[in-house]
N, C-alpha and C. Protein backbone atom coordinates (compact mmCIF):
# COMPACT_ATOMS: atom_id res chain seq x y z
N MET A 1 13.37 2.56 74.36
CA MET A 1 14.59 2.46 73.59
C MET A 1 14.89 0.98 73.35
N SER A 2 15.10 0.64 72.08
CA SER A 2 15.42 -0.75 71.75
C SER A 2 16.88 -1.04 72.10
N ALA A 3 17.21 -2.32 72.10
CA ALA A 3 18.59 -2.74 72.39
C ALA A 3 19.54 -2.16 71.34
N PHE A 4 19.11 -2.16 70.08
CA PHE A 4 19.95 -1.62 69.02
C PHE A 4 20.17 -0.12 69.22
N GLU A 5 19.12 0.61 69.57
CA GLU A 5 19.26 2.06 69.80
C GLU A 5 20.21 2.33 70.96
N PHE A 6 20.16 1.49 71.97
CA PHE A 6 21.07 1.62 73.10
C PHE A 6 22.51 1.42 72.65
N LEU A 7 22.75 0.37 71.87
CA LEU A 7 24.10 0.08 71.40
C LEU A 7 24.59 1.16 70.44
N ILE A 8 23.74 1.58 69.51
CA ILE A 8 24.18 2.54 68.50
C ILE A 8 24.48 3.90 69.12
N SER A 9 23.86 4.22 70.25
CA SER A 9 24.18 5.49 70.90
C SER A 9 25.62 5.46 71.42
N PHE A 10 26.03 4.33 71.96
CA PHE A 10 27.41 4.16 72.44
C PHE A 10 28.38 4.12 71.26
N TYR A 11 28.07 3.29 70.30
CA TYR A 11 28.89 3.11 69.09
C TYR A 11 28.98 4.43 68.32
N GLY A 12 27.84 5.12 68.24
CA GLY A 12 27.78 6.38 67.50
C GLY A 12 28.63 7.47 68.13
N ILE A 13 28.66 7.51 69.46
CA ILE A 13 29.50 8.50 70.12
C ILE A 13 30.96 8.28 69.77
N LEU A 14 31.40 7.04 69.82
CA LEU A 14 32.80 6.74 69.52
C LEU A 14 33.13 7.02 68.05
N LEU A 15 32.24 6.65 67.14
CA LEU A 15 32.47 6.97 65.73
C LEU A 15 32.45 8.47 65.51
N GLY A 16 31.53 9.16 66.19
CA GLY A 16 31.44 10.62 66.09
C GLY A 16 32.71 11.30 66.58
N LEU A 17 33.30 10.78 67.65
CA LEU A 17 34.57 11.33 68.13
C LEU A 17 35.67 11.18 67.09
N SER A 18 35.65 10.07 66.39
CA SER A 18 36.65 9.86 65.33
C SER A 18 36.48 10.90 64.21
N ILE A 19 35.24 11.14 63.82
CA ILE A 19 34.96 12.13 62.78
C ILE A 19 35.32 13.52 63.28
N ALA A 20 35.01 13.81 64.54
CA ALA A 20 35.37 15.11 65.12
C ALA A 20 36.89 15.29 65.15
N GLU A 21 37.61 14.23 65.44
CA GLU A 21 39.08 14.30 65.45
C GLU A 21 39.62 14.61 64.05
N LEU A 22 39.03 14.00 63.03
CA LEU A 22 39.43 14.30 61.65
C LEU A 22 39.16 15.77 61.33
N ALA A 23 37.99 16.25 61.71
CA ALA A 23 37.63 17.65 61.43
C ALA A 23 38.55 18.61 62.17
N SER A 24 38.82 18.34 63.44
CA SER A 24 39.68 19.25 64.19
C SER A 24 41.12 19.18 63.70
N GLY A 25 41.57 18.01 63.26
CA GLY A 25 42.92 17.89 62.70
C GLY A 25 43.05 18.69 61.42
N PHE A 26 42.05 18.59 60.57
CA PHE A 26 42.09 19.38 59.34
C PHE A 26 42.06 20.87 59.66
N SER A 27 41.25 21.25 60.63
CA SER A 27 41.15 22.65 61.03
C SER A 27 42.49 23.17 61.55
N ARG A 28 43.16 22.38 62.40
CA ARG A 28 44.49 22.78 62.90
C ARG A 28 45.47 22.94 61.75
N THR A 29 45.42 21.99 60.81
CA THR A 29 46.33 22.04 59.67
C THR A 29 46.02 23.25 58.79
N TRP A 30 44.75 23.54 58.60
CA TRP A 30 44.35 24.69 57.80
C TRP A 30 44.83 25.99 58.43
N ASP A 31 44.73 26.07 59.75
CA ASP A 31 45.17 27.27 60.45
C ASP A 31 46.65 27.56 60.25
N LYS A 32 47.44 26.53 60.05
CA LYS A 32 48.89 26.69 59.89
C LYS A 32 49.34 26.70 58.43
N ARG A 33 48.41 26.82 57.50
CA ARG A 33 48.74 26.73 56.08
C ARG A 33 49.73 27.80 55.62
N ALA A 34 49.80 28.94 56.30
CA ALA A 34 50.74 30.00 55.91
C ALA A 34 52.18 29.59 56.23
N SER A 35 52.37 28.83 57.31
CA SER A 35 53.73 28.44 57.71
C SER A 35 54.08 27.02 57.30
N GLN A 36 53.08 26.15 57.08
CA GLN A 36 53.33 24.77 56.67
C GLN A 36 52.40 24.41 55.52
N LYS A 37 53.00 24.02 54.42
CA LYS A 37 52.20 23.62 53.26
C LYS A 37 51.39 22.38 53.61
N ILE A 38 50.11 22.41 53.28
CA ILE A 38 49.22 21.29 53.62
C ILE A 38 49.53 20.07 52.75
N GLY A 39 49.70 20.24 51.47
CA GLY A 39 49.93 19.11 50.58
C GLY A 39 48.65 18.33 50.32
N TRP A 40 48.82 17.13 49.76
CA TRP A 40 47.67 16.30 49.39
C TRP A 40 47.55 15.03 50.21
N LEU A 41 48.65 14.51 50.71
CA LEU A 41 48.61 13.20 51.37
C LEU A 41 47.73 13.18 52.61
N THR A 42 47.90 14.17 53.47
CA THR A 42 47.15 14.19 54.72
C THR A 42 45.65 14.34 54.48
N PRO A 43 45.20 15.31 53.67
CA PRO A 43 43.76 15.38 53.42
C PRO A 43 43.20 14.13 52.74
N LEU A 44 43.96 13.53 51.83
CA LEU A 44 43.48 12.30 51.18
C LEU A 44 43.32 11.16 52.18
N LEU A 45 44.31 10.99 53.04
CA LEU A 45 44.22 9.94 54.05
C LEU A 45 43.04 10.19 54.98
N GLY A 46 42.84 11.45 55.34
CA GLY A 46 41.68 11.80 56.17
C GLY A 46 40.37 11.52 55.47
N MET A 47 40.28 11.80 54.18
CA MET A 47 39.03 11.55 53.45
C MET A 47 38.78 10.06 53.27
N ILE A 48 39.84 9.27 53.06
CA ILE A 48 39.68 7.82 52.97
C ILE A 48 39.11 7.29 54.28
N MET A 49 39.68 7.77 55.38
CA MET A 49 39.19 7.31 56.67
C MET A 49 37.75 7.78 56.91
N LEU A 50 37.43 9.00 56.53
CA LEU A 50 36.06 9.52 56.69
C LEU A 50 35.07 8.66 55.90
N ALA A 51 35.42 8.32 54.66
CA ALA A 51 34.54 7.47 53.85
C ALA A 51 34.35 6.11 54.51
N ASP A 52 35.41 5.56 55.09
CA ASP A 52 35.33 4.26 55.77
C ASP A 52 34.47 4.37 57.02
N LEU A 53 34.63 5.45 57.78
CA LEU A 53 33.82 5.65 58.99
C LEU A 53 32.34 5.77 58.65
N ILE A 54 32.03 6.53 57.62
CA ILE A 54 30.63 6.70 57.22
C ILE A 54 30.06 5.36 56.74
N SER A 55 30.86 4.60 56.03
CA SER A 55 30.43 3.28 55.59
C SER A 55 30.14 2.38 56.79
N PHE A 56 31.01 2.44 57.79
CA PHE A 56 30.78 1.65 59.01
C PHE A 56 29.48 2.05 59.67
N TRP A 57 29.27 3.35 59.76
CA TRP A 57 28.06 3.86 60.42
C TRP A 57 26.80 3.38 59.71
N THR A 58 26.76 3.53 58.40
CA THR A 58 25.55 3.15 57.65
C THR A 58 25.39 1.64 57.55
N ASN A 59 26.49 0.91 57.46
CA ASN A 59 26.37 -0.55 57.41
C ASN A 59 25.89 -1.12 58.73
N THR A 60 26.17 -0.42 59.82
CA THR A 60 25.69 -0.86 61.13
C THR A 60 24.16 -0.86 61.16
N TRP A 61 23.56 0.07 60.45
CA TRP A 61 22.10 0.14 60.38
C TRP A 61 21.51 -1.16 59.83
N LEU A 62 22.23 -1.79 58.92
CA LEU A 62 21.74 -3.03 58.33
C LEU A 62 21.63 -4.16 59.36
N LEU A 63 22.35 -4.01 60.48
CA LEU A 63 22.35 -5.05 61.50
C LEU A 63 21.26 -4.85 62.56
N LYS A 64 20.47 -3.79 62.42
CA LYS A 64 19.54 -3.39 63.48
C LYS A 64 18.57 -4.48 63.91
N ASP A 65 18.18 -5.35 62.99
CA ASP A 65 17.19 -6.37 63.32
C ASP A 65 17.80 -7.70 63.75
N VAL A 66 19.12 -7.84 63.63
CA VAL A 66 19.71 -9.15 63.92
C VAL A 66 20.73 -9.13 65.05
N ILE A 67 21.18 -7.95 65.44
CA ILE A 67 22.23 -7.90 66.45
C ILE A 67 21.62 -8.00 67.85
N GLU A 68 22.26 -8.79 68.68
CA GLU A 68 21.85 -8.90 70.09
C GLU A 68 22.84 -8.10 70.92
N VAL A 69 22.33 -7.34 71.86
CA VAL A 69 23.19 -6.48 72.66
C VAL A 69 23.49 -7.15 73.99
N ASP A 70 24.77 -7.34 74.23
CA ASP A 70 25.24 -7.83 75.52
C ASP A 70 26.63 -7.24 75.76
N TYR A 71 27.27 -7.68 76.80
CA TYR A 71 28.58 -7.13 77.17
C TYR A 71 29.58 -7.31 76.03
N PHE A 72 29.63 -8.49 75.42
CA PHE A 72 30.63 -8.75 74.39
C PHE A 72 30.36 -7.97 73.11
N THR A 73 29.09 -7.74 72.80
CA THR A 73 28.76 -6.90 71.65
C THR A 73 29.25 -5.48 71.89
N ALA A 74 29.00 -4.95 73.08
CA ALA A 74 29.46 -3.60 73.41
C ALA A 74 30.98 -3.53 73.44
N LEU A 75 31.61 -4.56 73.97
CA LEU A 75 33.08 -4.60 74.01
C LEU A 75 33.64 -4.63 72.60
N GLY A 76 33.05 -5.45 71.74
CA GLY A 76 33.51 -5.51 70.35
C GLY A 76 33.33 -4.18 69.64
N ALA A 77 32.17 -3.55 69.85
CA ALA A 77 31.92 -2.23 69.25
C ALA A 77 32.95 -1.22 69.75
N ALA A 78 33.28 -1.29 71.04
CA ALA A 78 34.27 -0.36 71.60
C ALA A 78 35.64 -0.58 70.99
N VAL A 79 36.06 -1.84 70.85
CA VAL A 79 37.38 -2.12 70.29
C VAL A 79 37.46 -1.61 68.85
N VAL A 80 36.45 -1.91 68.05
CA VAL A 80 36.45 -1.47 66.65
C VAL A 80 36.49 0.05 66.54
N THR A 81 35.63 0.71 67.30
CA THR A 81 35.56 2.17 67.19
C THR A 81 36.75 2.86 67.83
N LEU A 82 37.31 2.28 68.88
CA LEU A 82 38.51 2.88 69.48
C LEU A 82 39.72 2.74 68.56
N LEU A 83 39.78 1.67 67.81
CA LEU A 83 40.84 1.56 66.78
C LEU A 83 40.70 2.69 65.77
N TYR A 84 39.46 2.96 65.36
CA TYR A 84 39.22 4.07 64.45
C TYR A 84 39.60 5.41 65.08
N TYR A 85 39.25 5.59 66.33
CA TYR A 85 39.58 6.85 67.00
C TYR A 85 41.10 7.03 67.06
N PHE A 86 41.79 5.97 67.44
CA PHE A 86 43.26 6.03 67.48
C PHE A 86 43.81 6.41 66.11
N ALA A 87 43.31 5.76 65.07
CA ALA A 87 43.77 6.06 63.72
C ALA A 87 43.49 7.52 63.35
N ALA A 88 42.31 8.00 63.72
CA ALA A 88 41.96 9.39 63.41
C ALA A 88 42.90 10.38 64.09
N THR A 89 43.36 10.04 65.29
CA THR A 89 44.29 10.95 65.99
C THR A 89 45.67 10.96 65.37
N GLN A 90 45.97 9.98 64.54
CA GLN A 90 47.31 9.88 63.96
C GLN A 90 47.44 10.52 62.58
N ILE A 91 46.34 10.92 61.97
CA ILE A 91 46.39 11.42 60.59
C ILE A 91 46.98 12.82 60.50
N PHE A 92 46.52 13.73 61.32
CA PHE A 92 46.97 15.12 61.25
C PHE A 92 47.97 15.40 62.36
N PRO A 93 48.97 16.25 62.08
CA PRO A 93 49.96 16.56 63.12
C PRO A 93 49.34 17.34 64.28
N ARG A 94 49.86 17.11 65.45
CA ARG A 94 49.41 17.80 66.65
C ARG A 94 50.12 19.14 66.79
N GLU A 95 49.65 19.95 67.72
CA GLU A 95 50.29 21.23 68.03
C GLU A 95 51.73 20.97 68.45
N GLY A 96 52.65 21.71 67.87
CA GLY A 96 54.06 21.59 68.21
C GLY A 96 54.77 20.44 67.52
N ALA A 97 54.11 19.76 66.60
CA ALA A 97 54.74 18.65 65.87
C ALA A 97 55.87 19.17 65.01
N MET A 98 56.91 18.38 64.90
CA MET A 98 58.09 18.78 64.12
C MET A 98 57.89 18.56 62.62
N LEU A 99 57.06 17.62 62.25
CA LEU A 99 56.86 17.30 60.85
C LEU A 99 55.71 18.11 60.27
N GLY A 100 55.82 18.45 58.99
CA GLY A 100 54.72 19.08 58.27
C GLY A 100 53.64 18.04 57.99
N PRO A 101 52.46 18.47 57.51
CA PRO A 101 51.35 17.54 57.31
C PRO A 101 51.67 16.34 56.43
N ASP A 102 52.28 16.54 55.26
CA ASP A 102 52.54 15.40 54.38
C ASP A 102 53.61 14.47 54.95
N ASP A 103 54.65 15.04 55.57
CA ASP A 103 55.67 14.20 56.21
C ASP A 103 55.05 13.40 57.36
N HIS A 104 54.15 14.04 58.09
CA HIS A 104 53.45 13.36 59.18
C HIS A 104 52.60 12.21 58.62
N ALA A 105 51.90 12.47 57.53
CA ALA A 105 51.07 11.42 56.91
C ALA A 105 51.93 10.25 56.45
N MET A 106 53.08 10.54 55.85
CA MET A 106 53.98 9.46 55.42
C MET A 106 54.46 8.65 56.62
N ALA A 107 54.77 9.33 57.73
CA ALA A 107 55.30 8.65 58.90
C ALA A 107 54.23 7.84 59.64
N HIS A 108 52.97 8.28 59.59
CA HIS A 108 51.91 7.62 60.36
C HIS A 108 50.93 6.82 59.51
N ARG A 109 51.10 6.82 58.21
CA ARG A 109 50.16 6.17 57.30
C ARG A 109 49.98 4.69 57.61
N LYS A 110 51.06 3.98 57.90
CA LYS A 110 50.94 2.54 58.13
C LYS A 110 50.12 2.23 59.38
N VAL A 111 50.34 3.00 60.44
CA VAL A 111 49.57 2.78 61.67
C VAL A 111 48.09 3.03 61.42
N VAL A 112 47.79 4.09 60.68
CA VAL A 112 46.40 4.44 60.37
C VAL A 112 45.75 3.32 59.55
N VAL A 113 46.42 2.87 58.52
CA VAL A 113 45.85 1.85 57.63
C VAL A 113 45.71 0.51 58.35
N VAL A 114 46.70 0.14 59.16
CA VAL A 114 46.61 -1.12 59.90
C VAL A 114 45.42 -1.07 60.87
N ALA A 115 45.20 0.07 61.53
CA ALA A 115 44.04 0.20 62.44
C ALA A 115 42.74 0.08 61.66
N MET A 116 42.67 0.66 60.46
CA MET A 116 41.46 0.55 59.64
C MET A 116 41.23 -0.90 59.20
N ILE A 117 42.30 -1.57 58.78
CA ILE A 117 42.17 -2.98 58.37
C ILE A 117 41.74 -3.83 59.56
N ALA A 118 42.35 -3.60 60.72
CA ALA A 118 42.00 -4.37 61.92
C ALA A 118 40.53 -4.17 62.27
N SER A 119 40.03 -2.93 62.19
CA SER A 119 38.62 -2.67 62.48
C SER A 119 37.71 -3.44 61.54
N ASN A 120 38.04 -3.41 60.25
CA ASN A 120 37.22 -4.13 59.27
C ASN A 120 37.26 -5.64 59.50
N LEU A 121 38.45 -6.18 59.77
CA LEU A 121 38.56 -7.62 59.99
C LEU A 121 37.87 -8.07 61.28
N LEU A 122 38.00 -7.26 62.33
CA LEU A 122 37.31 -7.60 63.59
C LEU A 122 35.80 -7.62 63.39
N LEU A 123 35.30 -6.67 62.62
CA LEU A 123 33.86 -6.68 62.34
C LEU A 123 33.47 -7.93 61.56
N MET A 124 34.29 -8.32 60.61
CA MET A 124 34.00 -9.54 59.84
C MET A 124 33.97 -10.76 60.74
N ILE A 125 34.93 -10.85 61.65
CA ILE A 125 34.97 -11.99 62.58
C ILE A 125 33.72 -11.99 63.46
N ALA A 126 33.35 -10.81 63.95
CA ALA A 126 32.14 -10.71 64.79
C ALA A 126 30.91 -11.13 64.02
N LEU A 127 30.80 -10.70 62.77
CA LEU A 127 29.64 -11.08 61.96
C LEU A 127 29.63 -12.58 61.70
N LYS A 128 30.79 -13.15 61.51
CA LYS A 128 30.88 -14.60 61.31
C LYS A 128 30.32 -15.33 62.53
N ILE A 129 30.70 -14.85 63.71
CA ILE A 129 30.27 -15.50 64.95
C ILE A 129 28.79 -15.24 65.22
N VAL A 130 28.39 -13.97 65.16
CA VAL A 130 27.03 -13.58 65.55
C VAL A 130 25.99 -14.09 64.55
N LEU A 131 26.27 -13.97 63.28
CA LEU A 131 25.27 -14.30 62.26
C LEU A 131 25.48 -15.67 61.64
N SER A 132 26.52 -16.37 62.04
CA SER A 132 26.84 -17.69 61.49
C SER A 132 26.94 -17.66 59.97
N LEU A 133 27.53 -16.59 59.46
CA LEU A 133 27.71 -16.48 58.01
C LEU A 133 28.86 -17.38 57.57
N SER A 134 28.80 -17.83 56.33
CA SER A 134 29.86 -18.70 55.84
C SER A 134 31.14 -17.89 55.65
N ALA A 135 32.25 -18.54 55.90
CA ALA A 135 33.55 -17.88 55.76
C ALA A 135 33.75 -17.41 54.32
N LEU A 136 33.27 -18.18 53.35
CA LEU A 136 33.44 -17.82 51.95
C LEU A 136 32.76 -16.49 51.64
N ARG A 137 31.55 -16.30 52.15
CA ARG A 137 30.84 -15.04 51.91
C ARG A 137 31.59 -13.86 52.53
N LEU A 138 32.11 -14.06 53.74
CA LEU A 138 32.83 -12.97 54.39
C LEU A 138 34.15 -12.67 53.68
N VAL A 139 34.83 -13.70 53.23
CA VAL A 139 36.08 -13.49 52.49
C VAL A 139 35.80 -12.68 51.23
N THR A 140 34.68 -12.96 50.58
CA THR A 140 34.30 -12.20 49.38
C THR A 140 34.14 -10.73 49.71
N VAL A 141 33.49 -10.42 50.82
CA VAL A 141 33.31 -9.03 51.22
C VAL A 141 34.66 -8.40 51.56
N VAL A 142 35.49 -9.12 52.31
CA VAL A 142 36.81 -8.59 52.70
C VAL A 142 37.65 -8.32 51.46
N LEU A 143 37.59 -9.21 50.49
CA LEU A 143 38.42 -9.06 49.29
C LEU A 143 37.98 -7.91 48.40
N THR A 144 36.83 -7.33 48.68
CA THR A 144 36.40 -6.18 47.88
C THR A 144 36.97 -4.87 48.41
N TYR A 145 37.42 -4.84 49.66
CA TYR A 145 37.84 -3.57 50.24
C TYR A 145 39.24 -3.58 50.85
N VAL A 146 39.56 -4.60 51.59
CA VAL A 146 40.85 -4.64 52.29
C VAL A 146 42.03 -4.50 51.32
N PRO A 147 41.99 -5.08 50.12
CA PRO A 147 43.13 -4.88 49.21
C PRO A 147 43.40 -3.41 48.89
N LEU A 148 42.34 -2.59 48.87
CA LEU A 148 42.56 -1.15 48.66
C LEU A 148 43.42 -0.58 49.78
N LEU A 149 43.10 -0.96 51.00
CA LEU A 149 43.87 -0.46 52.13
C LEU A 149 45.28 -1.04 52.16
N VAL A 150 45.40 -2.31 51.81
CA VAL A 150 46.73 -2.94 51.78
C VAL A 150 47.62 -2.25 50.76
N THR A 151 47.02 -1.78 49.68
CA THR A 151 47.79 -1.03 48.67
C THR A 151 48.48 0.16 49.30
N LEU A 152 47.79 0.83 50.22
CA LEU A 152 48.39 1.99 50.88
C LEU A 152 49.58 1.60 51.76
N LEU A 153 49.60 0.37 52.22
CA LEU A 153 50.76 -0.12 52.97
C LEU A 153 51.90 -0.49 52.03
N CYS A 154 51.57 -1.18 50.96
CA CYS A 154 52.60 -1.70 50.05
C CYS A 154 53.37 -0.59 49.35
N VAL A 155 52.69 0.47 48.95
CA VAL A 155 53.41 1.52 48.24
C VAL A 155 54.42 2.20 49.15
N GLY A 156 54.25 2.07 50.45
CA GLY A 156 55.19 2.66 51.38
C GLY A 156 56.56 2.02 51.30
N TRP A 157 56.62 0.77 50.84
CA TRP A 157 57.93 0.12 50.70
C TRP A 157 58.80 0.87 49.70
N LEU A 158 58.14 1.57 48.77
CA LEU A 158 58.90 2.33 47.78
C LEU A 158 59.44 3.63 48.36
N ARG A 159 58.88 4.05 49.49
CA ARG A 159 59.28 5.29 50.15
C ARG A 159 59.18 6.48 49.21
N ASP A 160 58.23 6.42 48.31
CA ASP A 160 58.07 7.46 47.31
C ASP A 160 56.74 8.16 47.55
N ARG A 161 56.80 9.44 47.86
CA ARG A 161 55.60 10.20 48.17
C ARG A 161 54.64 10.22 46.98
N ARG A 162 55.15 10.26 45.77
CA ARG A 162 54.30 10.30 44.59
C ARG A 162 53.50 9.01 44.46
N SER A 163 54.12 7.86 44.72
CA SER A 163 53.40 6.58 44.61
C SER A 163 52.31 6.50 45.68
N VAL A 164 52.57 7.00 46.87
CA VAL A 164 51.55 7.01 47.92
C VAL A 164 50.41 7.94 47.53
N LEU A 165 50.74 9.09 46.97
CA LEU A 165 49.72 10.03 46.52
C LEU A 165 48.83 9.40 45.45
N LEU A 166 49.45 8.71 44.49
CA LEU A 166 48.67 8.04 43.44
C LEU A 166 47.77 6.95 44.03
N ALA A 167 48.32 6.17 44.97
CA ALA A 167 47.53 5.10 45.59
C ALA A 167 46.36 5.68 46.37
N MET A 168 46.60 6.76 47.11
CA MET A 168 45.51 7.37 47.87
C MET A 168 44.48 8.00 46.93
N SER A 169 44.94 8.58 45.85
CA SER A 169 44.01 9.19 44.89
C SER A 169 43.12 8.13 44.26
N ALA A 170 43.65 6.94 44.06
CA ALA A 170 42.84 5.83 43.52
C ALA A 170 41.95 5.24 44.61
N CYS A 171 42.46 5.18 45.84
CA CYS A 171 41.74 4.53 46.93
C CYS A 171 40.50 5.33 47.36
N LEU A 172 40.59 6.65 47.34
CA LEU A 172 39.47 7.46 47.81
C LEU A 172 38.19 7.23 46.99
N PRO A 173 38.23 7.40 45.66
CA PRO A 173 36.98 7.15 44.92
C PRO A 173 36.52 5.70 45.01
N LEU A 174 37.46 4.76 45.06
CA LEU A 174 37.06 3.36 45.19
C LEU A 174 36.40 3.10 46.53
N THR A 175 36.89 3.76 47.58
CA THR A 175 36.26 3.63 48.90
C THR A 175 34.84 4.18 48.87
N ILE A 176 34.67 5.32 48.22
CA ILE A 176 33.34 5.93 48.13
C ILE A 176 32.40 5.07 47.30
N VAL A 177 32.90 4.51 46.20
CA VAL A 177 32.09 3.64 45.34
C VAL A 177 31.78 2.33 46.06
N TYR A 178 32.69 1.88 46.92
CA TYR A 178 32.52 0.63 47.65
C TYR A 178 31.27 0.65 48.53
N LYS A 179 30.92 1.80 49.06
CA LYS A 179 29.83 1.92 50.02
C LYS A 179 28.51 1.36 49.49
N PRO A 180 28.00 1.81 48.35
CA PRO A 180 26.73 1.23 47.88
C PRO A 180 26.84 -0.27 47.58
N PHE A 181 28.00 -0.68 47.07
CA PHE A 181 28.23 -2.10 46.82
C PHE A 181 28.13 -2.88 48.14
N ALA A 182 28.78 -2.36 49.18
CA ALA A 182 28.78 -3.04 50.47
C ALA A 182 27.37 -3.15 51.04
N ASP A 183 26.58 -2.09 50.89
CA ASP A 183 25.20 -2.15 51.38
C ASP A 183 24.44 -3.30 50.72
N GLY A 184 24.61 -3.45 49.42
CA GLY A 184 23.94 -4.54 48.70
C GLY A 184 24.42 -5.90 49.15
N VAL A 185 25.72 -6.04 49.34
CA VAL A 185 26.28 -7.31 49.78
C VAL A 185 25.81 -7.63 51.18
N TRP A 186 25.87 -6.63 52.07
CA TRP A 186 25.43 -6.87 53.45
C TRP A 186 23.96 -7.25 53.49
N SER A 187 23.14 -6.56 52.74
CA SER A 187 21.71 -6.88 52.72
C SER A 187 21.48 -8.31 52.28
N ALA A 188 22.18 -8.73 51.23
CA ALA A 188 22.05 -10.10 50.74
C ALA A 188 22.51 -11.12 51.79
N LEU A 189 23.65 -10.83 52.43
CA LEU A 189 24.16 -11.74 53.45
C LEU A 189 23.18 -11.87 54.62
N LEU A 190 22.63 -10.75 55.04
CA LEU A 190 21.71 -10.75 56.18
C LEU A 190 20.41 -11.46 55.84
N GLU A 191 19.93 -11.32 54.61
CA GLU A 191 18.71 -12.03 54.20
C GLU A 191 18.94 -13.54 54.24
N ARG A 192 20.11 -13.96 53.76
CA ARG A 192 20.39 -15.40 53.74
C ARG A 192 20.60 -15.94 55.15
N ALA A 193 21.19 -15.09 56.03
CA ALA A 193 21.42 -15.53 57.41
C ALA A 193 20.13 -15.60 58.19
N GLY A 194 19.18 -14.71 57.86
CA GLY A 194 17.93 -14.63 58.62
C GLY A 194 16.94 -15.57 58.09
C-alpha cells in the first residue's frame, strides 16, 4: 500500500460518511413527505454539497504523485473532511425537528456554506504550503468557485426564500460544470509545481 492509498482510505471514509449523511437525510425527508412538504431548497443544497464532495474526491486523485503523508497531512485531511461531515449533518432536518425541510435549509444554509467555503480555503492553503504554488494561481482557482458559494450567503440577507432558490438553482449547474474546469486547472498547476 502506497502512502497515498493509506491517506485516501482515511480521507475517503470521512468523505463517504458525508455522502452517506446526505443520502440518509434525503431518505428521512422523503419518508415524511406526506406530513411535511419537501420543497426545493433542501434537495438543492444537498446536491450542491454532493457535487462539491465529489469534486473534492476526484481532485484529490490529482495529488497522488505529489502529496507526502505525515501527521499534519492526515490532520489537515481530517479537518477538511470533518467540516464537510458537519455541514452534511446540517442540511436535512433530524427526527423530531420542529422545522420543515425548506425552513430548516433556510435556517442552516449559512453554516453549511461557511463550512464548505472553509474546507475549500483550507485545502488551498495546504496546497500553497505543500506544493509551493504561487498565491496568484491559487487565488485564480478560488475565484472560480468560492463566489458561487458566497452568493448563497449574500442572498440570505434578503431573507427571501425565492432569491435563495434562484441562487441555488444557478449554483448547482455551475458547481457541476466547475468540476471538469477544476481538473484542468489542478493538472496545470501540478505540472508547473512538479
